[in-house]
C-alpha cells in the first residue's frame, strides 16, 4: 500500500496559483517573496515555474522556430561580414556571445549530453613488453586465426603462477585474489 505524498492540489488551484505567480513576477518580486505570498515551499514554486515554462514553450513552437531562424540568419550575416572584413573578428565574437546568451536564457539551445571515461594511465611500461611482443608477432594474423590457433595453443601450455594483476578477473577470484 502506497502512502499519499504531499498536499494534493487540484489542477484548477495549481493553475490559479501559477497565474498569480506570473503576475507577481511581472512586478519584479523575488522568487522567495513570491513563494511566501503564495504560501508554498520554494520547491513547489520551482515546480510551478517549470510548468509555466513548459506551457509557454509548447504554446509557442512557431514563435520559437521563427526566432531560431532569425538567430541563424543573423549569425550567417555576422559570418559574412567578418569574412568580408566589414566588422572586426573581436566584434563578431562579442555579437555571437550575446546571441548565445540570449538563446541560453530562452532555453533555445539543444540539450547537451556528455560522456566522460577515465582510463588508468599508471601502467608500468616494463609490464607491457610481453604484450607488445605478442602484438608484434601476431600482427599479420586475422582475428579468426588468433582465436582458432593462438589462444588454443596458449590454453594447452602448462599453467604457471600468474601475478594477480595479470589474471582474468574470474581466475583471480578462484585463486582468492580480489
Protein backbone atom coordinates (compact mmCIF):
# COMPACT_ATOMS: atom_id res chain seq x y z
CA UNK A 1 0.00 0.00 0.00
CA UNK A 2 1.50 3.34 -1.01
CA UNK A 3 1.13 6.45 1.08
CA UNK A 4 -0.15 9.64 -0.49
CA UNK A 5 2.61 12.21 -0.83
CA UNK A 6 2.35 15.88 -0.12
CA UNK A 7 -0.62 18.19 -0.31
CA UNK A 8 -2.88 17.20 -3.19
CA UNK A 9 -3.90 20.33 -5.04
CA UNK A 10 -6.42 20.37 -7.85
CA UNK A 11 -5.36 21.38 -11.34
CA UNK A 12 -7.55 24.46 -11.10
CA UNK A 13 -5.89 25.56 -7.84
CA UNK A 14 -2.43 24.98 -9.35
CA UNK A 15 -3.34 26.96 -12.47
CA UNK A 16 -4.66 29.82 -10.33
CA UNK A 17 -1.51 29.79 -8.18
CA UNK A 18 0.71 29.78 -11.29
CA UNK A 19 -1.24 32.71 -12.76
CA UNK A 20 -0.71 34.66 -9.51
CA UNK A 21 2.98 33.76 -9.63
CA UNK A 22 3.26 35.17 -13.16
CA UNK A 23 1.61 38.42 -12.09
CA UNK A 24 3.94 38.75 -9.10
CA UNK A 25 6.96 38.00 -11.27
CA UNK A 26 5.97 40.87 -13.58
CA UNK A 27 6.20 43.24 -10.60
CA UNK A 28 9.83 42.23 -10.08
CA UNK A 29 9.27 40.38 -6.79
CA UNK A 30 11.89 37.83 -5.79
CA UNK A 31 11.19 34.13 -6.01
CA UNK A 32 11.39 33.76 -2.23
CA UNK A 33 8.86 36.53 -1.64
CA UNK A 34 6.51 35.12 -4.30
CA UNK A 35 6.67 31.67 -2.69
CA UNK A 36 5.94 33.27 0.68
CA UNK A 37 2.97 35.28 -0.67
CA UNK A 38 1.55 32.16 -2.33
CA UNK A 39 2.11 30.12 0.83
CA UNK A 40 4.15 27.40 -0.89
CA UNK A 41 7.63 25.99 -0.44
CA UNK A 42 10.47 27.06 -2.70
CA UNK A 43 10.39 23.58 -4.27
CA UNK A 44 6.68 23.89 -5.09
CA UNK A 45 7.30 27.35 -6.55
CA UNK A 46 10.18 25.94 -8.63
CA UNK A 47 7.88 23.19 -9.96
CA UNK A 48 5.31 25.85 -10.82
CA UNK A 49 7.96 27.78 -12.77
CA UNK A 50 8.89 24.62 -14.68
CA UNK A 51 5.24 24.03 -15.55
CA UNK A 52 4.79 27.64 -16.66
CA UNK A 53 7.89 27.45 -18.86
CA UNK A 54 6.79 24.12 -20.38
CA UNK A 55 3.37 25.55 -21.24
CA UNK A 56 4.98 28.63 -22.74
CA UNK A 57 7.33 26.58 -24.91
CA UNK A 58 4.54 24.21 -26.02
CA UNK A 59 2.25 27.10 -26.89
CA UNK A 60 4.82 28.98 -28.88
CA UNK A 61 6.52 26.39 -31.06
CA UNK A 62 6.04 28.54 -34.18
CA UNK A 63 7.44 31.59 -32.40
CA UNK A 64 10.44 29.59 -31.19
CA UNK A 65 11.07 28.22 -34.70
CA UNK A 66 10.85 31.72 -36.19
CA UNK A 67 13.21 33.08 -33.55
CA UNK A 68 15.71 30.28 -34.16
CA UNK A 69 15.57 31.01 -37.90
CA UNK A 70 16.20 34.71 -37.28
CA UNK A 71 19.11 33.83 -34.96
CA UNK A 72 20.55 31.57 -37.67
CA UNK A 73 20.23 34.29 -40.33
CA UNK A 74 21.87 36.86 -38.04
CA UNK A 75 24.80 34.50 -37.38
CA UNK A 76 25.23 33.95 -41.13
CA UNK A 77 25.28 37.75 -41.65
CA UNK A 78 27.90 38.11 -38.91
CA UNK A 79 30.00 35.39 -40.53
CA UNK A 80 29.74 37.04 -43.96
CA UNK A 81 30.58 40.49 -42.59
CA UNK A 82 33.61 39.08 -40.79
CA UNK A 83 34.80 37.28 -43.94
CA UNK A 84 34.35 40.47 -46.00
CA UNK A 85 36.23 42.49 -43.39
CA UNK A 86 33.37 44.93 -42.73
CA UNK A 87 33.43 44.06 -39.00
CA UNK A 88 36.37 43.11 -36.83
CA UNK A 89 36.63 39.48 -35.63
CA UNK A 90 36.54 40.55 -31.95
CA UNK A 91 33.29 42.45 -32.58
CA UNK A 92 31.86 39.39 -34.35
CA UNK A 93 32.85 37.20 -31.40
CA UNK A 94 31.12 39.60 -29.00
CA UNK A 95 27.94 39.55 -31.11
CA UNK A 96 27.94 35.75 -31.23
CA UNK A 97 28.41 35.56 -27.43
CA UNK A 98 25.45 37.89 -26.90
CA UNK A 99 23.26 35.79 -29.22
CA UNK A 100 24.37 32.62 -27.43
CA UNK A 101 23.48 34.17 -24.06
CA UNK A 102 20.02 35.11 -25.35
CA UNK A 103 19.46 31.60 -26.72
CA UNK A 104 20.53 30.02 -23.41
CA UNK A 105 18.34 32.42 -21.45
CA UNK A 106 15.33 31.48 -23.54
CA UNK A 107 16.18 27.76 -23.44
CA UNK A 108 16.54 27.51 -27.22
CA UNK A 109 19.79 25.56 -27.30
CA UNK A 110 19.58 21.82 -27.76
CA UNK A 111 20.31 19.89 -24.58
CA UNK A 112 23.86 18.60 -24.27
CA UNK A 113 24.91 15.18 -23.21
CA UNK A 114 28.46 14.43 -22.22
CA UNK A 115 30.08 11.10 -21.51
CA UNK A 116 33.33 11.04 -19.60
CA UNK A 117 35.56 7.99 -19.38
CA UNK A 118 38.52 7.52 -17.09
CA UNK A 119 41.47 5.33 -18.01
CA UNK A 120 44.20 4.38 -15.58
CA UNK A 121 47.36 5.75 -17.17
CA UNK A 122 49.70 4.48 -14.46
CA UNK A 123 50.88 1.48 -16.47
CA UNK A 124 54.40 0.29 -15.95
CA UNK A 125 55.99 0.15 -19.46
CA UNK A 126 58.14 -2.80 -18.37
CA UNK A 127 54.96 -4.87 -17.88
CA UNK A 128 53.86 -4.15 -21.45
CA UNK A 129 56.92 -5.74 -23.06
CA UNK A 130 55.34 -9.20 -23.37
CA UNK A 131 52.08 -7.73 -24.62
CA UNK A 132 53.86 -5.63 -27.24
CA UNK A 133 55.90 -8.66 -28.35
CA UNK A 134 52.68 -10.70 -28.68
CA UNK A 135 51.10 -7.93 -30.78
CA UNK A 136 54.19 -7.75 -32.98
CA UNK A 137 54.26 -11.49 -33.65
CA UNK A 138 50.52 -11.76 -34.31
CA UNK A 139 50.20 -8.57 -36.39
CA UNK A 140 49.67 -10.45 -39.67
CA UNK A 141 47.15 -12.95 -38.30
CA UNK A 142 43.44 -12.44 -38.71
CA UNK A 143 41.19 -12.37 -35.65
CA UNK A 144 39.87 -15.79 -36.65
CA UNK A 145 43.41 -17.25 -36.76
CA UNK A 146 44.23 -15.79 -33.35
CA UNK A 147 41.03 -17.26 -31.89
CA UNK A 148 41.38 -20.62 -33.65
CA UNK A 149 45.15 -21.20 -33.36
CA UNK A 150 46.94 -18.90 -30.93
CA UNK A 151 44.55 -18.98 -27.97
CA UNK A 152 44.04 -22.78 -28.07
CA UNK A 153 47.84 -23.17 -28.13
CA UNK A 154 48.16 -20.80 -25.15
CA UNK A 155 45.48 -22.79 -23.30
CA UNK A 156 47.43 -26.04 -23.89
CA UNK A 157 50.56 -24.71 -22.16
CA UNK A 158 51.19 -25.86 -18.57
CA UNK A 159 49.96 -23.33 -16.03
CA UNK A 160 52.45 -21.15 -14.24
CA UNK A 161 51.93 -18.83 -11.32
CA UNK A 162 50.38 -15.72 -12.86
CA UNK A 163 50.58 -12.46 -10.91
CA UNK A 164 47.12 -11.41 -9.73
CA UNK A 165 47.19 -8.12 -11.66
CA UNK A 166 47.56 -10.06 -14.95
CA UNK A 167 44.79 -12.60 -14.26
CA UNK A 168 41.39 -12.63 -15.86
CA UNK A 169 39.05 -11.39 -13.09
CA UNK A 170 37.19 -14.73 -12.77
CA UNK A 171 40.50 -16.61 -12.41
CA UNK A 172 41.76 -14.14 -9.81
CA UNK A 173 38.59 -14.69 -7.77
CA UNK A 174 39.03 -18.51 -7.97
CA UNK A 175 42.53 -18.15 -6.55
CA UNK A 176 41.36 -15.87 -3.74
CA UNK A 177 42.65 -12.55 -5.08
CA UNK A 178 40.40 -9.52 -5.28
